[in-house]
């Protein structure tokens, strides 16, 4: 007998308008910063403008992914295109990592042989960049950051904000001391921030693609808890994963004691999953343990087998 609890949703609350406004701010400033970076001979500004290009790309990806993920499930895509958001987040993370490698290389070269840098131009541009990025960061913070896709775009913009602070400091140092290597040092700081944010996005999106259990959920402890529900003889083939960020799912085969009612046990388990673990998208196969037709199915269960109490009943 099967039981199915539903919990579909796509980036609930994600607001395309806020993402679009942030995108417009980034694009306008990015073009101006790149031109100023060339005129000032500043790697920090050029690296910031390149980072802003990835910011813009991440926002475009986020908007496209939101639209794709909103499409209803049909045909061979039984979950729809929910994981388009995770593809977007992973693309953002990989882009950040690749850019970090490039800026480390360029930064080291400039440390060894620093070009002349127009410090005042760098300082003024970086200060304007801080204002623009504060506005863009605020816009994205208004969207639903429980989506890993939106969080990826947010991390891009937030890291760019930190990068502009580092660039402003570098510009001030050049103006006050003439120490041109400060520009390269700022570029290396930008690269470090990119690497940190990029690795976080790749790691989290990778967990979802590999269908790892959501963070904070221990499948063994969960299986033991379900096996302790009144009337449960055994729980196996327990799988818990994320369809997309913030949307977990669970499936399991539950064997019920001969004297217990399958429907009552199913309802009790669903209460535990929903109220204790926030799991509402569940697929449960519930059978009586003495059913001989289950022998082949249960001969090689996936994962550990969780046995219920042999004496007495537990309560949900």
C-alpha atoms as a PDB file:
ATOM      1  CA  UNK A   1       0.000   0.000   0.000  1.00  0.00           C
ATOM      2  CA  UNK A   2       1.457   3.400  -0.891  1.00  0.00           C
ATOM      3  CA  UNK A   3       1.103   6.750   0.821  1.00  0.00           C
ATOM      4  CA  UNK A   4       2.068  10.054  -0.687  1.00  0.00           C
ATOM      5  CA  UNK A   5       2.338  13.448   0.989  1.00  0.00           C
ATOM      6  CA  UNK A   6       2.806  16.401  -1.331  1.00  0.00           C
ATOM      7  CA  UNK A   7       4.918  19.513  -0.924  1.00  0.00           C
ATOM      8  CA  UNK A   8       5.704  21.145  -4.276  1.00  0.00           C
ATOM      9  CA  UNK A   9       6.869  24.730  -4.617  1.00  0.00           C
ATOM     10  CA  UNK A  10       9.342  26.725  -6.659  1.00  0.00           C
ATOM     11  CA  UNK A  11      11.567  29.342  -5.043  1.00  0.00           C
ATOM     12  CA  UNK A  12       8.572  30.553  -3.053  1.00  0.00           C
ATOM     13  CA  UNK A  13       8.570  34.351  -2.728  1.00  0.00           C
ATOM     14  CA  UNK A  14      11.375  34.898  -5.223  1.00  0.00           C
ATOM     15  CA  UNK A  15      10.709  38.300  -6.774  1.00  0.00           C
ATOM     16  CA  UNK A  16      11.824  38.747 -10.383  1.00  0.00           C
ATOM     17  CA  UNK A  17      11.344  42.496 -10.138  1.00  0.00           C
ATOM     18  CA  UNK A  18      13.999  42.909  -7.436  1.00  0.00           C
ATOM     19  CA  UNK A  19      16.469  40.732  -9.322  1.00  0.00           C
ATOM     20  CA  UNK A  20      15.817  42.707 -12.507  1.00  0.00           C
ATOM     21  CA  UNK A  21      16.449  46.018 -10.738  1.00  0.00           C
ATOM     22  CA  UNK A  22      19.729  44.720  -9.310  1.00  0.00           C
ATOM     23  CA  UNK A  23      20.729  43.551 -12.800  1.00  0.00           C
ATOM     24  CA  UNK A  24      20.131  47.022 -14.271  1.00  0.00           C
ATOM     25  CA  UNK A  25      22.274  48.676 -11.584  1.00  0.00           C
ATOM     26  CA  UNK A  26      25.113  46.210 -12.108  1.00  0.00           C
ATOM     27  CA  UNK A  27      25.168  46.504 -15.920  1.00  0.00           C
ATOM     28  CA  UNK A  28      25.267  50.299 -15.962  1.00  0.00           C
ATOM     29  CA  UNK A  29      28.081  50.558 -13.446  1.00  0.00           C
ATOM     30  CA  UNK A  30      30.069  47.611 -14.871  1.00  0.00           C
ATOM     31  CA  UNK A  31      30.636  49.335 -18.234  1.00  0.00           C
ATOM     32  CA  UNK A  32      31.788  52.550 -16.599  1.00  0.00           C
ATOM     33  CA  UNK A  33      34.111  50.761 -14.192  1.00  0.00           C
ATOM     34  CA  UNK A  34      35.822  48.767 -16.916  1.00  0.00           C
ATOM     35  CA  UNK A  35      36.562  51.947 -18.886  1.00  0.00           C
ATOM     36  CA  UNK A  36      37.908  53.707 -15.789  1.00  0.00           C
ATOM     37  CA  UNK A  37      40.004  50.650 -14.896  1.00  0.00           C
ATOM     38  CA  UNK A  38      41.692  50.765 -18.298  1.00  0.00           C
ATOM     39  CA  UNK A  39      42.337  54.502 -17.996  1.00  0.00           C
ATOM     40  CA  UNK A  40      43.684  54.183 -14.442  1.00  0.00           C
ATOM     41  CA  UNK A  41      45.770  51.081 -15.140  1.00  0.00           C
ATOM     42  CA  UNK A  42      44.112  49.384 -12.143  1.00  0.00           C
ATOM     43  CA  UNK A  43      43.911  45.587 -12.007  1.00  0.00           C
ATOM     44  CA  UNK A  44      41.695  45.903  -8.933  1.00  0.00           C
ATOM     45  CA  UNK A  45      39.097  47.893 -10.909  1.00  0.00           C
ATOM     46  CA  UNK A  46      39.348  45.616 -13.953  1.00  0.00           C
ATOM     47  CA  UNK A  47      38.962  42.558 -11.722  1.00  0.00           C
ATOM     48  CA  UNK A  48      35.991  44.198 -10.030  1.00  0.00           C
ATOM     49  CA  UNK A  49      34.371  44.914 -13.406  1.00  0.00           C
ATOM     50  CA  UNK A  50      34.945  41.310 -14.468  1.00  0.00           C
ATOM     51  CA  UNK A  51      33.412  40.216 -11.195  1.00  0.00           C
ATOM     52  CA  UNK A  52      30.454  42.477 -11.948  1.00  0.00           C
ATOM     53  CA  UNK A  53      30.098  40.787 -15.322  1.00  0.00           C
ATOM     54  CA  UNK A  54      29.726  37.487 -13.485  1.00  0.00           C
ATOM     55  CA  UNK A  55      27.284  39.251 -11.146  1.00  0.00           C
ATOM     56  CA  UNK A  56      25.181  40.214 -14.158  1.00  0.00           C
ATOM     57  CA  UNK A  57      25.462  36.699 -15.596  1.00  0.00           C
ATOM     58  CA  UNK A  58      24.453  35.192 -12.257  1.00  0.00           C
ATOM     59  CA  UNK A  59      21.376  37.417 -12.131  1.00  0.00           C
ATOM     60  CA  UNK A  60      20.407  36.516 -15.699  1.00  0.00           C
ATOM     61  CA  UNK A  61      20.853  32.820 -14.845  1.00  0.00           C
ATOM     62  CA  UNK A  62      18.779  33.295 -11.706  1.00  0.00           C
ATOM     63  CA  UNK A  63      15.942  34.931 -13.644  1.00  0.00           C
ATOM     64  CA  UNK A  64      16.003  32.240 -16.349  1.00  0.00           C
ATOM     65  CA  UNK A  65      16.187  29.450 -13.765  1.00  0.00           C
ATOM     66  CA  UNK A  66      13.229  30.871 -11.837  1.00  0.00           C
ATOM     67  CA  UNK A  67      11.164  30.944 -15.015  1.00  0.00           C
ATOM     68  CA  UNK A  68      12.175  27.376 -15.956  1.00  0.00           C
ATOM     69  CA  UNK A  69      11.575  26.057 -12.448  1.00  0.00           C
ATOM     70  CA  UNK A  70       8.073  27.540 -12.453  1.00  0.00           C
ATOM     71  CA  UNK A  71       7.020  25.371 -15.382  1.00  0.00           C
ATOM     72  CA  UNK A  72       4.702  22.521 -14.400  1.00  0.00           C
ATOM     73  CA  UNK A  73       5.977  18.937 -14.401  1.00  0.00           C
ATOM     74  CA  UNK A  74       5.218  17.135 -17.634  1.00  0.00           C
ATOM     75  CA  UNK A  75       6.534  14.352 -19.848  1.00  0.00           C
ATOM     76  CA  UNK A  76       9.788  12.792 -18.697  1.00  0.00           C
ATOM     77  CA  UNK A  77      10.522  15.614 -16.222  1.00  0.00           C
ATOM     78  CA  UNK A  78       8.401  14.396 -13.320  1.00  0.00           C
ATOM     79  CA  UNK A  79       9.744  17.095 -10.991  1.00  0.00           C
ATOM     80  CA  UNK A  80       9.517  19.730 -13.694  1.00  0.00           C
ATOM     81  CA  UNK A  81      12.690  21.815 -14.093  1.00  0.00           C
ATOM     82  CA  UNK A  82      13.187  22.571 -10.414  1.00  0.00           C
ATOM     83  CA  UNK A  83      16.883  21.761 -10.580  1.00  0.00           C
ATOM     84  CA  UNK A  84      17.478  24.463 -13.168  1.00  0.00           C
ATOM     85  CA  UNK A  85      17.991  26.633 -10.091  1.00  0.00           C
ATOM     86  CA  UNK A  86      20.720  24.327  -8.820  1.00  0.00           C
ATOM     87  CA  UNK A  87      22.418  24.277 -12.228  1.00  0.00           C
ATOM     88  CA  UNK A  88      22.444  28.069 -12.088  1.00  0.00           C
ATOM     89  CA  UNK A  89      23.956  28.067  -8.599  1.00  0.00           C
ATOM     90  CA  UNK A  90      26.650  25.604  -9.650  1.00  0.00           C
ATOM     91  CA  UNK A  91      27.493  27.642 -12.744  1.00  0.00           C
ATOM     92  CA  UNK A  92      27.866  30.718 -10.534  1.00  0.00           C
ATOM     93  CA  UNK A  93      30.174  28.866  -8.162  1.00  0.00           C
ATOM     94  CA  UNK A  94      32.395  27.464 -10.902  1.00  0.00           C
ATOM     95  CA  UNK A  95      32.653  30.893 -12.544  1.00  0.00           C
ATOM     96  CA  UNK A  96      33.777  32.437  -9.256  1.00  0.00           C
ATOM     97  CA  UNK A  97      36.451  29.758  -8.787  1.00  0.00           C
ATOM     98  CA  UNK A  98      37.823  30.206 -12.317  1.00  0.00           C
ATOM     99  CA  UNK A  99      37.953  33.979 -11.945  1.00  0.00           C
ATOM    100  CA  UNK A 100      39.702  33.611  -8.597  1.00  0.00           C
ATOM    101  CA  UNK A 101      42.471  31.566 -10.232  1.00  0.00           C
ATOM    102  CA  UNK A 102      42.927  34.165 -12.973  1.00  0.00           C
ATOM    103  CA  UNK A 103      43.082  37.098 -10.556  1.00  0.00           C
ATOM    104  CA  UNK A 104      45.588  35.310  -8.326  1.00  0.00           C
ATOM    105  CA  UNK A 105      47.829  34.850 -11.350  1.00  0.00           C
ATOM    106  CA  UNK A 106      47.468  38.477 -12.465  1.00  0.00           C
ATOM    107  CA  UNK A 107      47.833  39.787  -8.915  1.00  0.00           C
ATOM    108  CA  UNK A 108      51.091  37.923  -8.342  1.00  0.00           C
ATOM    109  CA  UNK A 109      52.455  39.241 -11.623  1.00  0.00           C
ATOM    110  CA  UNK A 110      51.648  42.804 -10.595  1.00  0.00           C
ATOM    111  CA  UNK A 111      53.192  42.306  -7.181  1.00  0.00           C
ATOM    112  CA  UNK A 112      56.449  41.339  -8.895  1.00  0.00           C
ATOM    113  CA  UNK A 113      56.258  44.120 -11.466  1.00  0.00           C
ATOM    114  CA  UNK A 114      53.733  46.777 -10.410  1.00  0.00           C
ATOM    115  CA  UNK A 115      52.505  49.225 -13.083  1.00  0.00           C
ATOM    116  CA  UNK A 116      51.696  52.819 -12.253  1.00  0.00           C
ATOM    117  CA  UNK A 117      48.176  53.196 -10.873  1.00  0.00           C
ATOM    118  CA  UNK A 118      45.995  56.335 -10.834  1.00  0.00           C
ATOM    119  CA  UNK A 119      45.074  56.043  -7.160  1.00  0.00           C
ATOM    120  CA  UNK A 120      42.551  58.887  -6.993  1.00  0.00           C
ATOM    121  CA  UNK A 121      40.575  57.537  -9.945  1.00  0.00           C
ATOM    122  CA  UNK A 122      40.578  54.072  -8.346  1.00  0.00           C
ATOM    123  CA  UNK A 123      39.424  55.472  -5.011  1.00  0.00           C
ATOM    124  CA  UNK A 124      36.535  57.515  -6.433  1.00  0.00           C
ATOM    125  CA  UNK A 125      35.328  54.673  -8.674  1.00  0.00           C
ATOM    126  CA  UNK A 126      35.485  52.167  -5.812  1.00  0.00           C
ATOM    127  CA  UNK A 127      33.452  54.465  -3.553  1.00  0.00           C
ATOM    128  CA  UNK A 128      30.769  54.779  -6.225  1.00  0.00           C
ATOM    129  CA  UNK A 129      30.918  50.986  -6.628  1.00  0.00           C
ATOM    130  CA  UNK A 130      30.265  50.512  -2.926  1.00  0.00           C
ATOM    131  CA  UNK A 131      27.077  52.585  -3.208  1.00  0.00           C
ATOM    132  CA  UNK A 132      25.903  50.715  -6.327  1.00  0.00           C
ATOM    133  CA  UNK A 133      26.589  47.316  -4.757  1.00  0.00           C
ATOM    134  CA  UNK A 134      24.859  48.276  -1.525  1.00  0.00           C
ATOM    135  CA  UNK A 135      21.769  49.118  -3.579  1.00  0.00           C
ATOM    136  CA  UNK A 136      22.006  45.858  -5.581  1.00  0.00           C
ATOM    137  CA  UNK A 137      22.590  43.801  -2.432  1.00  0.00           C
ATOM    138  CA  UNK A 138      19.527  45.360  -0.821  1.00  0.00           C
ATOM    139  CA  UNK A 139      17.436  44.557  -3.915  1.00  0.00           C
ATOM    140  CA  UNK A 140      18.427  40.885  -3.891  1.00  0.00           C
ATOM    141  CA  UNK A 141      17.936  40.632  -0.122  1.00  0.00           C
ATOM    142  CA  UNK A 142      14.280  41.413  -0.814  1.00  0.00           C
ATOM    143  CA  UNK A 143      13.985  38.210  -2.873  1.00  0.00           C
ATOM    144  CA  UNK A 144      13.693  34.701  -1.419  1.00  0.00           C
ATOM    145  CA  UNK A 145      17.229  33.696  -0.403  1.00  0.00           C
ATOM    146  CA  UNK A 146      16.108  30.212   0.686  1.00  0.00           C
ATOM    147  CA  UNK A 147      16.615  29.406  -3.006  1.00  0.00           C
ATOM    148  CA  UNK A 148      20.229  28.343  -3.589  1.00  0.00           C
ATOM    149  CA  UNK A 149      19.918  29.944  -7.005  1.00  0.00           C
ATOM    150  CA  UNK A 150      19.057  33.370  -5.550  1.00  0.00           C
ATOM    151  CA  UNK A 151      21.623  32.880  -2.797  1.00  0.00           C
ATOM    152  CA  UNK A 152      24.237  32.306  -5.507  1.00  0.00           C
ATOM    153  CA  UNK A 153      23.401  35.640  -7.117  1.00  0.00           C
ATOM    154  CA  UNK A 154      23.387  37.291  -3.689  1.00  0.00           C
ATOM    155  CA  UNK A 155      26.853  35.903  -2.889  1.00  0.00           C
ATOM    156  CA  UNK A 156      28.166  37.288  -6.176  1.00  0.00           C
ATOM    157  CA  UNK A 157      26.918  40.787  -5.356  1.00  0.00           C
ATOM    158  CA  UNK A 158      27.949  40.643  -1.710  1.00  0.00           C
ATOM    159  CA  UNK A 159      31.477  39.562  -2.625  1.00  0.00           C
ATOM    160  CA  UNK A 160      31.653  42.385  -5.122  1.00  0.00           C
ATOM    161  CA  UNK A 161      30.719  44.792  -2.339  1.00  0.00           C
ATOM    162  CA  UNK A 162      33.590  43.512  -0.195  1.00  0.00           C
ATOM    163  CA  UNK A 163      35.862  43.725  -3.221  1.00  0.00           C
ATOM    164  CA  UNK A 164      35.013  47.396  -3.723  1.00  0.00           C
ATOM    165  CA  UNK A 165      35.858  48.094  -0.093  1.00  0.00           C
ATOM    166  CA  UNK A 166      39.263  46.458  -0.625  1.00  0.00           C
ATOM    167  CA  UNK A 167      39.751  48.426  -3.857  1.00  0.00           C
ATOM    168  CA  UNK A 168      38.839  51.698  -2.141  1.00  0.00           C
ATOM    169  CA  UNK A 169      41.407  50.998   0.562  1.00  0.00           C
ATOM    170  CA  UNK A 170      43.991  50.216  -2.132  1.00  0.00           C
ATOM    171  CA  UNK A 171      43.202  53.448  -3.971  1.00  0.00           C
ATOM    172  CA  UNK A 172      43.565  55.437  -0.744  1.00  0.00           C
ATOM    173  CA  UNK A 173      46.918  53.794  -0.014  1.00  0.00           C
ATOM    174  CA  UNK A 174      48.170  54.630  -3.516  1.00  0.00           C
ATOM    175  CA  UNK A 175      47.019  58.255  -3.160  1.00  0.00           C
ATOM    176  CA  UNK A 176      48.601  58.733   0.270  1.00  0.00           C
ATOM    177  CA  UNK A 177      51.802  56.703  -0.112  1.00  0.00           C
ATOM    178  CA  UNK A 178      52.333  55.975  -3.811  1.00  0.00           C
ATOM    179  CA  UNK A 179      52.527  52.228  -3.004  1.00  0.00           C
ATOM    180  CA  UNK A 180      51.257  50.834  -6.334  1.00  0.00           C
ATOM    181  CA  UNK A 181      51.412  47.222  -5.140  1.00  0.00           C
ATOM    182  CA  UNK A 182      48.366  47.949  -2.963  1.00  0.00           C
ATOM    183  CA  UNK A 183      46.270  47.569  -6.131  1.00  0.00           C
ATOM    184  CA  UNK A 184      47.552  44.031  -6.714  1.00  0.00           C
ATOM    185  CA  UNK A 185      47.029  43.162  -3.052  1.00  0.00           C
ATOM    186  CA  UNK A 186      43.413  44.315  -3.341  1.00  0.00           C
ATOM    187  CA  UNK A 187      42.996  42.097  -6.412  1.00  0.00           C
ATOM    188  CA  UNK A 188      44.272  39.118  -4.390  1.00  0.00           C
ATOM    189  CA  UNK A 189      41.757  39.920  -1.639  1.00  0.00           C
ATOM    190  CA  UNK A 190      39.016  39.925  -4.286  1.00  0.00           C
ATOM    191  CA  UNK A 191      40.265  36.531  -5.528  1.00  0.00           C
ATOM    192  CA  UNK A 192      40.159  35.073  -2.017  1.00  0.00           C
ATOM    193  CA  UNK A 193      36.574  36.249  -1.543  1.00  0.00           C
ATOM    194  CA  UNK A 194      35.607  34.778  -4.912  1.00  0.00           C
ATOM    195  CA  UNK A 195      37.178  31.422  -4.048  1.00  0.00           C
ATOM    196  CA  UNK A 196      35.382  31.218  -0.701  1.00  0.00           C
ATOM    197  CA  UNK A 197      31.959  32.050  -2.131  1.00  0.00           C
ATOM    198  CA  UNK A 198      32.492  29.890  -5.230  1.00  0.00           C
ATOM    199  CA  UNK A 199      33.486  26.815  -3.245  1.00  0.00           C
ATOM    200  CA  UNK A 200      30.458  27.203  -0.973  1.00  0.00           C
ATOM    201  CA  UNK A 201      28.089  27.291  -3.948  1.00  0.00           C
ATOM    202  CA  UNK A 202      29.735  24.331  -5.693  1.00  0.00           C
ATOM    203  CA  UNK A 203      29.688  22.295  -2.470  1.00  0.00           C
ATOM    204  CA  UNK A 204      26.023  22.960  -1.682  1.00  0.00           C
ATOM    205  CA  UNK A 205      24.783  22.455  -5.245  1.00  0.00           C
ATOM    206  CA  UNK A 206      26.897  19.286  -5.471  1.00  0.00           C
ATOM    207  CA  UNK A 207      25.174  17.879  -2.387  1.00  0.00           C
ATOM    208  CA  UNK A 208      21.802  18.344  -4.066  1.00  0.00           C
ATOM    209  CA  UNK A 209      22.943  16.777  -7.354  1.00  0.00           C
ATOM    210  CA  UNK A 210      24.355  13.790  -5.430  1.00  0.00           C
ATOM    211  CA  UNK A 211      21.036  13.579  -3.538  1.00  0.00           C
ATOM    212  CA  UNK A 212      22.647  13.838  -0.112  1.00  0.00           C
ATOM    213  CA  UNK A 213      20.354  14.237   2.862  1.00  0.00           C
ATOM    214  CA  UNK A 214      19.480  17.858   3.649  1.00  0.00           C
ATOM    215  CA  UNK A 215      21.788  19.485   6.165  1.00  0.00           C
ATOM    216  CA  UNK A 216      20.500  18.916   9.676  1.00  0.00           C
ATOM    217  CA  UNK A 217      18.804  15.628   8.796  1.00  0.00           C
ATOM    218  CA  UNK A 218      20.433  12.395  10.044  1.00  0.00           C
ATOM    219  CA  UNK A 219      18.904   9.526   8.021  1.00  0.00           C
ATOM    220  CA  UNK A 220      19.918   6.898  10.607  1.00  0.00           C
ATOM    221  CA  UNK A 221      18.357   8.831  13.474  1.00  0.00           C
ATOM    222  CA  UNK A 222      15.282   9.507  11.341  1.00  0.00           C
ATOM    223  CA  UNK A 223      14.931   5.811  10.493  1.00  0.00           C
ATOM    224  CA  UNK A 224      15.208   4.866  14.154  1.00  0.00           C
ATOM    225  CA  UNK A 225      12.560   7.454  15.023  1.00  0.00           C
ATOM    226  CA  UNK A 226      10.137   6.091  12.428  1.00  0.00           C
ATOM    227  CA  UNK A 227      10.777   2.528  13.613  1.00  0.00           C
ATOM    228  CA  UNK A 228       9.704   3.665  17.077  1.00  0.00           C
ATOM    229  CA  UNK A 229       6.242   4.723  15.916  1.00  0.00           C
ATOM    230  CA  UNK A 230       3.476   2.540  17.363  1.00  0.00           C
ATOM    231  CA  UNK A 231       2.792  -0.527  15.220  1.00  0.00           C
ATOM    232  CA  UNK A 232       5.951  -0.335  13.092  1.00  0.00           C
ATOM    233  CA  UNK A 233       7.908  -3.578  12.793  1.00  0.00           C
ATOM    234  CA  UNK A 234      10.616  -2.402  10.383  1.00  0.00           C
ATOM    235  CA  UNK A 235      11.687   0.527   8.209  1.00  0.00           C
ATOM    236  CA  UNK A 236      14.054   0.080   5.261  1.00  0.00           C
ATOM    237  CA  UNK A 237      14.760   1.526   1.806  1.00  0.00           C
ATOM    238  CA  UNK A 238      14.750   4.917   3.527  1.00  0.00           C
ATOM    239  CA  UNK A 239      15.848   7.755   1.245  1.00  0.00           C
ATOM    240  CA  UNK A 240      15.800  11.467   2.008  1.00  0.00           C
ATOM    241  CA  UNK A 241      17.105  14.085  -0.401  1.00  0.00           C
ATOM    242  CA  UNK A 242      16.499  17.582  -1.771  1.00  0.00           C
ATOM    243  CA  UNK A 243      14.647  18.075  -5.053  1.00  0.00           C
ATOM    244  CA  UNK A 244      15.904  21.652  -5.088  1.00  0.00           C
ATOM    245  CA  UNK A 245      17.128  24.022  -2.387  1.00  0.00           C
ATOM    246  CA  UNK A 246      14.731  24.145   0.541  1.00  0.00           C
ATOM    247  CA  UNK A 247      12.502  21.367  -0.828  1.00  0.00           C
ATOM    248  CA  UNK A 248      13.234  17.991   0.753  1.00  0.00           C
ATOM    249  CA  UNK A 249      11.621  14.659  -0.122  1.00  0.00           C
ATOM    250  CA  UNK A 250      11.524  11.239   1.527  1.00  0.00           C
ATOM    251  CA  UNK A 251      10.612   7.703   0.542  1.00  0.00           C
ATOM    252  CA  UNK A 252      10.619   4.533   2.643  1.00  0.00           C
ATOM    253  CA  UNK A 253       9.232   1.018   2.917  1.00  0.00           C
ATOM    254  CA  UNK A 254       7.468   0.491   6.241  1.00  0.00           C
ATOM    255  CA  UNK A 255       6.476  -2.953   7.530  1.00  0.00           C
ATOM    256  CA  UNK A 256       3.633  -2.932  10.036  1.00  0.00           C
ATOM    257  CA  UNK A 257       2.939  -5.531  12.711  1.00  0.00           C
ATOM    258  CA  UNK A 258       0.107  -7.966  11.919  1.00  0.00           C
ATOM    259  CA  UNK A 259      -2.210  -6.525  14.569  1.00  0.00           C
ATOM    260  CA  UNK A 260      -1.690  -2.899  13.550  1.00  0.00           C
ATOM    261  CA  UNK A 261      -3.716  -0.901  11.022  1.00  0.00           C
ATOM    262  CA  UNK A 262      -1.663   0.249   8.018  1.00  0.00           C
ATOM    263  CA  UNK A 263      -3.641   3.470   7.589  1.00  0.00           C
ATOM    264  CA  UNK A 264      -3.219   4.481  11.239  1.00  0.00           C
ATOM    265  CA  UNK A 265       0.526   3.795  11.130  1.00  0.00           C
ATOM    266  CA  UNK A 266       0.868   5.726   7.876  1.00  0.00           C
ATOM    267  CA  UNK A 267      -0.865   8.756   9.364  1.00  0.00           C
ATOM    268  CA  UNK A 268       1.238   8.593  12.517  1.00  0.00           C
ATOM    269  CA  UNK A 269       4.466   8.480  10.492  1.00  0.00           C
ATOM    270  CA  UNK A 270       3.386  11.404   8.334  1.00  0.00           C
ATOM    271  CA  UNK A 271       2.707  13.454  11.480  1.00  0.00           C
ATOM    272  CA  UNK A 272       6.223  12.704  12.750  1.00  0.00           C
ATOM    273  CA  UNK A 273       7.798  13.600   9.407  1.00  0.00           C
ATOM    274  CA  UNK A 274       5.813  16.806   9.001  1.00  0.00           C
ATOM    275  CA  UNK A 275       5.873  18.165  12.544  1.00  0.00           C
ATOM    276  CA  UNK A 276       9.290  17.009  13.755  1.00  0.00           C
ATOM    277  CA  UNK A 277      11.305  17.203  10.544  1.00  0.00           C
ATOM    278  CA  UNK A 278       9.384  19.544   8.232  1.00  0.00           C
ATOM    279  CA  UNK A 279       9.080  16.813   5.578  1.00  0.00           C
ATOM    280  CA  UNK A 280       5.771  17.016   3.713  1.00  0.00           C
ATOM    281  CA  UNK A 281       6.780  15.559   0.324  1.00  0.00           C
ATOM    282  CA  UNK A 282       6.817  11.879   1.310  1.00  0.00           C
ATOM    283  CA  UNK A 283       6.248   8.580  -0.457  1.00  0.00           C
ATOM    284  CA  UNK A 284       5.650   5.628   1.877  1.00  0.00           C
ATOM    285  CA  UNK A 285       5.063   1.990   0.960  1.00  0.00           C
ATOM    286  CA  UNK A 286       3.255   0.539   3.973  1.00  0.00           C
ATOM    287  CA  UNK A 287       2.670  -3.239   4.214  1.00  0.00           C
ATOM    288  CA  UNK A 288       1.992  -5.835   6.865  1.00  0.00           C
ATOM    289  CA  UNK A 289       5.147  -7.661   7.875  1.00  0.00           C
ATOM    290  CA  UNK A 290       3.691 -11.173   7.368  1.00  0.00           C
ATOM    291  CA  UNK A 291       2.881 -10.560   3.664  1.00  0.00           C
ATOM    292  CA  UNK A 292       4.813 -13.347   1.881  1.00  0.00           C
ATOM    293  CA  UNK A 293       4.793 -11.459  -1.444  1.00  0.00           C
ATOM    294  CA  UNK A 294       7.299  -9.026   0.074  1.00  0.00           C
ATOM    295  CA  UNK A 295      10.092 -11.593   0.417  1.00  0.00           C
ATOM    296  CA  UNK A 296      11.734 -10.774  -2.913  1.00  0.00           C
ATOM    297  CA  UNK A 297      11.358  -7.045  -2.442  1.00  0.00           C
ATOM    298  CA  UNK A 298      12.885  -7.086   1.047  1.00  0.00           C
ATOM    299  CA  UNK A 299      15.675  -9.554   0.306  1.00  0.00           C
ATOM    300  CA  UNK A 300      18.160  -6.801  -0.548  1.00  0.00           C
ATOM    301  CA  UNK A 301      17.023  -3.521   0.994  1.00  0.00           C
ATOM    302  CA  UNK A 302      18.966  -0.356   0.239  1.00  0.00           C
ATOM    303  CA  UNK A 303      20.673   1.103   3.270  1.00  0.00           C
ATOM    304  CA  UNK A 304      20.292   0.078   6.912  1.00  0.00           C
ATOM    305  CA  UNK A 305      17.256  -1.734   8.286  1.00  0.00           C
ATOM    306  CA  UNK A 306      15.585  -0.082  11.286  1.00  0.00           C
ATOM    307  CA  UNK A 307      13.666  -2.475  13.516  1.00  0.00           C
ATOM    308  CA  UNK A 308      10.732  -1.465  15.682  1.00  0.00           C
ATOM    309  CA  UNK A 309      10.350  -2.248  19.357  1.00  0.00           C
ATOM    310  CA  UNK A 310       9.782  -5.932  19.878  1.00  0.00           C
ATOM    311  CA  UNK A 311       7.855  -5.533  23.106  1.00  0.00           C
ATOM    312  CA  UNK A 312       5.255  -2.864  23.775  1.00  0.00           C
ATOM    313  CA  UNK A 313       4.412   0.094  21.607  1.00  0.00           C
ATOM    314  CA  UNK A 314       6.111   3.436  21.165  1.00  0.00           C
ATOM    315  CA  UNK A 315       4.099   6.545  20.554  1.00  0.00           C
ATOM    316  CA  UNK A 316       4.521   8.967  17.657  1.00  0.00           C
END
